[in-house]
């Protein structure tokens, strides 16, 4: 799933690969998917996008975005965005394809769920899209210690560490994937109540959010996810499905998988303790 490091990577790669190209055609919902969401009528995407030149790209939270003149094409966290050079074999099924001059294409498929939104700039009032634009990214200078502390409200003190970091869009683009290594590096159990954290614990959590997301981004995303060209990222995860049941590299305890809050968390109780 796309989170901050992967969204930044895909946006950068799109800029390097397709900026300056013109969209010659587009097709949305060619392969129906019950949990693929569009802006307005997907049948209108071809008319809206054809002839538009790709001028820039951006990433907001966990969403990479293409700017095509006055149009924006935003991809949600469950969307696989892939580049195909002219002549390369493309997937038979897809939820969005952008045909480009020269024969290249951007082809998108949805995993469990995902948004593929094409709209005129300024016309998208969707909450999840706009909150990602409005809130400072952990990769920015605006996301400093004072800002992180401002997120720690009275209501937030009742939450677990996972819920604090990855729910209610407190930090758009920080989801269940990247938080695993963040919490392991901070030595905080995912189920631990935020109210039990000392000031040092809280500062360490902030520093791990900043440093690990920067490192993951610099390395092209996590090794559990793929980039624009279908290659895994260069950040080697420690707490992920790839390491379930393996010894922790720091203490030797076995890495465990727990079902929690509708998903799985991976942890080392030798390092992160109990809750």
Protein backbone atom coordinates (compact mmCIF):
# COMPACT_ATOMS: atom_id res chain seq x y z
CA UNK A 1 0.00 0.00 0.00
CA UNK A 2 1.20 3.50 -0.83
CA UNK A 3 2.36 5.45 2.20
CA UNK A 4 4.55 8.55 2.46
CA UNK A 5 7.83 7.01 1.17
CA UNK A 6 6.20 5.25 -1.78
CA UNK A 7 4.02 8.23 -2.73
CA UNK A 8 7.07 10.47 -2.79
CA UNK A 9 9.02 7.91 -4.81
CA UNK A 10 6.29 7.37 -7.41
CA UNK A 11 5.74 11.13 -7.79
CA UNK A 12 9.47 11.67 -8.33
CA UNK A 13 9.71 8.82 -10.84
CA UNK A 14 6.68 10.08 -12.74
CA UNK A 15 8.30 13.51 -12.99
CA UNK A 16 11.52 12.00 -14.27
CA UNK A 17 9.77 9.67 -16.73
CA UNK A 18 6.64 11.25 -18.19
CA UNK A 19 6.80 15.00 -17.51
CA UNK A 20 6.39 16.87 -20.78
CA UNK A 21 4.44 14.06 -22.43
CA UNK A 22 0.88 14.51 -23.65
CA UNK A 23 -2.00 12.22 -22.69
CA UNK A 24 -3.40 10.95 -25.97
CA UNK A 25 -6.16 8.85 -24.41
CA UNK A 26 -7.48 7.56 -21.11
CA UNK A 27 -9.81 4.79 -20.01
CA UNK A 28 -11.16 4.27 -16.49
CA UNK A 29 -13.06 1.29 -15.06
CA UNK A 30 -12.35 -0.90 -18.09
CA UNK A 31 -12.10 -3.78 -15.62
CA UNK A 32 -14.80 -3.23 -12.97
CA UNK A 33 -13.65 -3.36 -9.35
CA UNK A 34 -16.07 -3.02 -6.46
CA UNK A 35 -13.64 -1.00 -4.37
CA UNK A 36 -12.14 1.27 -7.03
CA UNK A 37 -13.36 4.81 -6.54
CA UNK A 38 -13.44 7.58 -9.12
CA UNK A 39 -14.18 11.29 -9.18
CA UNK A 40 -17.47 11.76 -10.97
CA UNK A 41 -18.13 9.47 -13.93
CA UNK A 42 -15.14 7.31 -14.98
CA UNK A 43 -16.57 7.20 -18.49
CA UNK A 44 -15.69 10.90 -18.78
CA UNK A 45 -11.99 10.48 -17.97
CA UNK A 46 -11.01 10.06 -21.62
CA UNK A 47 -12.70 13.30 -22.63
CA UNK A 48 -11.32 15.19 -19.62
CA UNK A 49 -7.70 14.08 -20.00
CA UNK A 50 -7.04 13.59 -23.72
CA UNK A 51 -4.76 16.28 -25.12
CA UNK A 52 -3.51 17.41 -21.72
CA UNK A 53 0.24 17.78 -21.27
CA UNK A 54 1.82 16.47 -18.07
CA UNK A 55 3.42 19.50 -16.44
CA UNK A 56 4.31 18.41 -12.91
CA UNK A 57 3.79 15.84 -10.17
CA UNK A 58 3.27 16.01 -6.42
CA UNK A 59 2.69 13.79 -3.39
CA UNK A 60 0.28 14.57 -0.57
CA UNK A 61 0.39 12.16 2.34
CA UNK A 62 0.21 8.72 0.77
CA UNK A 63 -1.10 9.95 -2.59
CA UNK A 64 1.06 10.63 -5.64
CA UNK A 65 -0.49 13.02 -8.14
CA UNK A 66 -0.01 13.94 -11.80
CA UNK A 67 -0.61 17.51 -12.94
CA UNK A 68 -1.83 17.62 -16.54
CA UNK A 69 -2.31 21.32 -17.25
CA UNK A 70 -5.46 22.27 -15.28
CA UNK A 71 -6.27 18.63 -14.46
CA UNK A 72 -5.12 16.59 -11.48
CA UNK A 73 -4.89 12.79 -11.37
CA UNK A 74 -4.56 11.52 -7.80
CA UNK A 75 -3.86 7.91 -6.79
CA UNK A 76 -4.99 6.49 -3.44
CA UNK A 77 -3.05 4.16 -1.19
CA UNK A 78 -4.25 0.87 -2.67
CA UNK A 79 -3.43 1.73 -6.28
CA UNK A 80 -0.49 0.18 -8.15
CA UNK A 81 0.82 2.87 -10.50
CA UNK A 82 3.10 1.43 -13.19
CA UNK A 83 4.95 2.82 -16.20
CA UNK A 84 5.05 0.84 -19.47
CA UNK A 85 7.37 1.89 -22.26
CA UNK A 86 6.17 1.73 -25.87
CA UNK A 87 5.82 -1.89 -26.95
CA UNK A 88 5.92 -3.33 -23.43
CA UNK A 89 3.22 -5.83 -22.51
CA UNK A 90 0.55 -4.26 -20.31
CA UNK A 91 -1.86 -5.88 -17.84
CA UNK A 92 -5.01 -7.22 -19.44
CA UNK A 93 -7.10 -5.89 -16.56
CA UNK A 94 -6.72 -2.38 -15.20
CA UNK A 95 -8.79 0.30 -13.49
CA UNK A 96 -7.13 3.26 -15.23
CA UNK A 97 -4.80 3.63 -18.19
CA UNK A 98 -3.24 6.83 -19.51
CA UNK A 99 -1.94 6.54 -23.06
CA UNK A 100 0.95 8.91 -23.80
CA UNK A 101 2.48 10.27 -26.97
CA UNK A 102 5.26 8.03 -28.20
CA UNK A 103 3.36 4.90 -27.16
CA UNK A 104 4.18 4.93 -23.44
CA UNK A 105 1.48 4.38 -20.85
CA UNK A 106 0.71 4.70 -17.17
CA UNK A 107 -1.38 1.72 -16.11
CA UNK A 108 -3.09 1.48 -12.71
CA UNK A 109 -4.58 -1.50 -10.94
CA UNK A 110 -6.29 -1.64 -7.57
CA UNK A 111 -5.44 -4.16 -4.85
CA UNK A 112 -8.10 -4.37 -2.13
CA UNK A 113 -9.32 -0.81 -2.58
CA UNK A 114 -8.10 2.46 -4.02
CA UNK A 115 -9.05 5.85 -5.42
CA UNK A 116 -8.21 6.99 -8.96
CA UNK A 117 -9.38 10.57 -9.10
CA UNK A 118 -9.26 12.85 -12.15
CA UNK A 119 -10.58 16.36 -11.63
CA UNK A 120 -9.98 20.02 -12.46
CA UNK A 121 -7.65 21.77 -10.04
CA UNK A 122 -9.57 23.05 -7.01
CA UNK A 123 -12.67 20.94 -7.63
CA UNK A 124 -11.94 18.03 -5.27
CA UNK A 125 -13.49 18.52 -1.82
CA UNK A 126 -12.81 14.98 -0.60
CA UNK A 127 -11.63 15.00 3.03
CA UNK A 128 -8.80 12.49 2.67
CA UNK A 129 -7.39 14.30 -0.34
CA UNK A 130 -7.48 17.77 1.15
CA UNK A 131 -6.20 16.86 4.60
CA UNK A 132 -3.10 15.43 2.93
CA UNK A 133 -2.52 18.78 1.24
CA UNK A 134 -3.25 20.88 4.30
CA UNK A 135 -1.25 19.13 7.02
CA UNK A 136 2.56 19.33 7.09
CA UNK A 137 4.44 16.25 5.95
CA UNK A 138 6.87 14.59 8.38
CA UNK A 139 9.44 15.17 5.62
CA UNK A 140 9.03 18.95 5.97
CA UNK A 141 10.56 21.45 8.39
CA UNK A 142 7.05 22.46 9.47
CA UNK A 143 6.61 19.04 11.04
CA UNK A 144 8.77 19.89 14.06
CA UNK A 145 8.69 18.76 17.69
CA UNK A 146 6.19 21.48 18.64
CA UNK A 147 3.82 20.42 15.86
CA UNK A 148 4.09 16.74 16.86
CA UNK A 149 3.31 17.67 20.45
CA UNK A 150 0.23 19.59 19.29
CA UNK A 151 -1.17 16.27 18.02
CA UNK A 152 -0.98 14.86 21.54
CA UNK A 153 -4.37 16.13 22.72
CA UNK A 154 -6.31 14.95 25.76
CA UNK A 155 -8.30 12.58 23.54
CA UNK A 156 -5.09 11.26 21.95
CA UNK A 157 -3.72 10.29 25.37
CA UNK A 158 -6.40 7.57 25.54
CA UNK A 159 -5.17 5.94 22.34
CA UNK A 160 -2.64 3.20 21.70
CA UNK A 161 0.63 4.05 19.96
CA UNK A 162 -0.63 2.54 16.70
CA UNK A 163 -3.92 4.42 16.86
CA UNK A 164 -2.15 7.69 17.61
CA UNK A 165 0.20 7.43 14.64
CA UNK A 166 -2.02 5.82 12.05
CA UNK A 167 -5.66 6.85 12.55
CA UNK A 168 -7.87 9.94 12.16
CA UNK A 169 -5.46 11.34 9.54
CA UNK A 170 -3.29 12.89 12.26
CA UNK A 171 -0.34 12.25 9.99
CA UNK A 172 -1.62 11.70 6.44
CA UNK A 173 0.30 8.95 4.67
CA UNK A 174 1.65 7.36 7.87
CA UNK A 175 -0.18 4.05 7.96
CA UNK A 176 0.01 0.55 9.35
CA UNK A 177 2.98 -0.28 7.11
CA UNK A 178 5.62 2.28 8.04
CA UNK A 179 4.61 2.48 11.70
CA UNK A 180 5.93 -1.04 12.37
CA UNK A 181 9.59 -0.09 12.05
CA UNK A 182 8.97 3.32 13.63
CA UNK A 183 7.59 1.77 16.81
CA UNK A 184 10.24 -0.96 16.92
CA UNK A 185 13.00 1.64 16.58
CA UNK A 186 11.36 3.71 19.30
CA UNK A 187 11.00 0.58 21.51
CA UNK A 188 7.27 1.16 21.94
CA UNK A 189 4.67 -1.63 21.77
CA UNK A 190 1.89 -0.90 19.22
CA UNK A 191 -0.78 -1.49 21.87
CA UNK A 192 0.86 0.67 24.53
CA UNK A 193 -1.30 3.56 25.72
CA UNK A 194 0.01 6.97 24.80
CA UNK A 195 -0.73 8.17 28.35
CA UNK A 196 1.95 5.79 29.65
CA UNK A 197 4.73 7.30 27.54
CA UNK A 198 7.36 9.37 29.29
CA UNK A 199 8.54 12.63 27.76
CA UNK A 200 11.65 10.79 26.56
CA UNK A 201 9.50 8.07 24.97
CA UNK A 202 7.43 10.70 23.18
CA UNK A 203 10.51 12.52 21.94
CA UNK A 204 11.98 9.24 20.67
CA UNK A 205 8.74 8.47 18.82
CA UNK A 206 8.90 11.87 17.13
CA UNK A 207 12.54 11.41 16.15
CA UNK A 208 11.84 7.96 14.69
CA UNK A 209 8.88 9.30 12.68
CA UNK A 210 11.11 11.98 11.19
CA UNK A 211 14.28 9.98 10.63
CA UNK A 212 12.80 6.69 9.39
CA UNK A 213 10.33 8.27 6.98
CA UNK A 214 13.19 10.35 5.57
CA UNK A 215 15.37 7.25 5.21
CA UNK A 216 12.57 5.19 3.65
CA UNK A 217 11.91 7.96 1.15
CA UNK A 218 15.59 8.46 0.31
CA UNK A 219 15.86 4.72 -0.40
CA UNK A 220 12.86 4.65 -2.75
CA UNK A 221 10.34 3.17 -0.33
CA UNK A 222 10.13 -0.09 1.59
CA UNK A 223 11.17 -3.50 0.32
CA UNK A 224 7.59 -4.71 0.89
CA UNK A 225 6.24 -2.27 -1.74
CA UNK A 226 7.00 -1.57 -5.40
CA UNK A 227 7.79 1.60 -7.30
CA UNK A 228 6.64 2.99 -10.66
CA UNK A 229 8.65 0.32 -12.51
CA UNK A 230 7.54 -2.61 -10.35
CA UNK A 231 10.78 -2.76 -8.35
CA UNK A 232 10.82 -3.12 -4.55
CA UNK A 233 12.03 -0.20 -2.48
CA UNK A 234 15.51 -0.11 -1.02
CA UNK A 235 14.58 0.27 2.65
CA UNK A 236 14.90 -3.15 4.28
CA UNK A 237 12.06 -3.53 6.75
CA UNK A 238 12.62 -5.29 10.06
CA UNK A 239 9.04 -5.43 11.28
CA UNK A 240 6.95 -6.70 8.36
CA UNK A 241 5.40 -9.88 6.98
CA UNK A 242 8.79 -10.74 5.47
CA UNK A 243 10.25 -11.14 8.95
CA UNK A 244 7.44 -12.88 10.79
CA UNK A 245 8.89 -15.59 13.05
CA UNK A 246 12.51 -14.55 12.47
CA UNK A 247 14.89 -13.49 15.26
CA UNK A 248 15.02 -9.80 16.06
CA UNK A 249 18.40 -8.46 14.85
CA UNK A 250 18.85 -6.50 18.09
CA UNK A 251 17.85 -8.88 20.88
CA UNK A 252 17.25 -12.28 19.24
CA UNK A 253 13.63 -12.67 20.39
CA UNK A 254 11.27 -13.91 17.69
CA UNK A 255 9.34 -11.32 15.72
CA UNK A 256 5.63 -11.85 16.29
CA UNK A 257 2.52 -11.05 14.29
CA UNK A 258 -0.58 -9.87 16.16
CA UNK A 259 -3.98 -8.99 14.78
CA UNK A 260 -4.85 -5.52 16.01
CA UNK A 261 -7.23 -2.76 14.91
CA UNK A 262 -8.29 -4.49 11.72
CA UNK A 263 -4.79 -5.35 10.54
CA UNK A 264 -1.59 -7.06 11.55
CA UNK A 265 1.21 -5.59 13.63
CA UNK A 266 4.71 -7.04 13.79
CA UNK A 267 6.77 -6.56 16.93
CA UNK A 268 9.56 -7.79 19.12
CA UNK A 269 8.50 -7.95 22.75
CA UNK A 270 12.15 -8.23 23.75
CA UNK A 271 12.70 -4.70 22.41
CA UNK A 272 9.24 -3.20 22.68
CA UNK A 273 8.06 -4.81 25.90
CA UNK A 274 4.44 -5.47 26.74
CA UNK A 275 1.46 -3.17 26.95
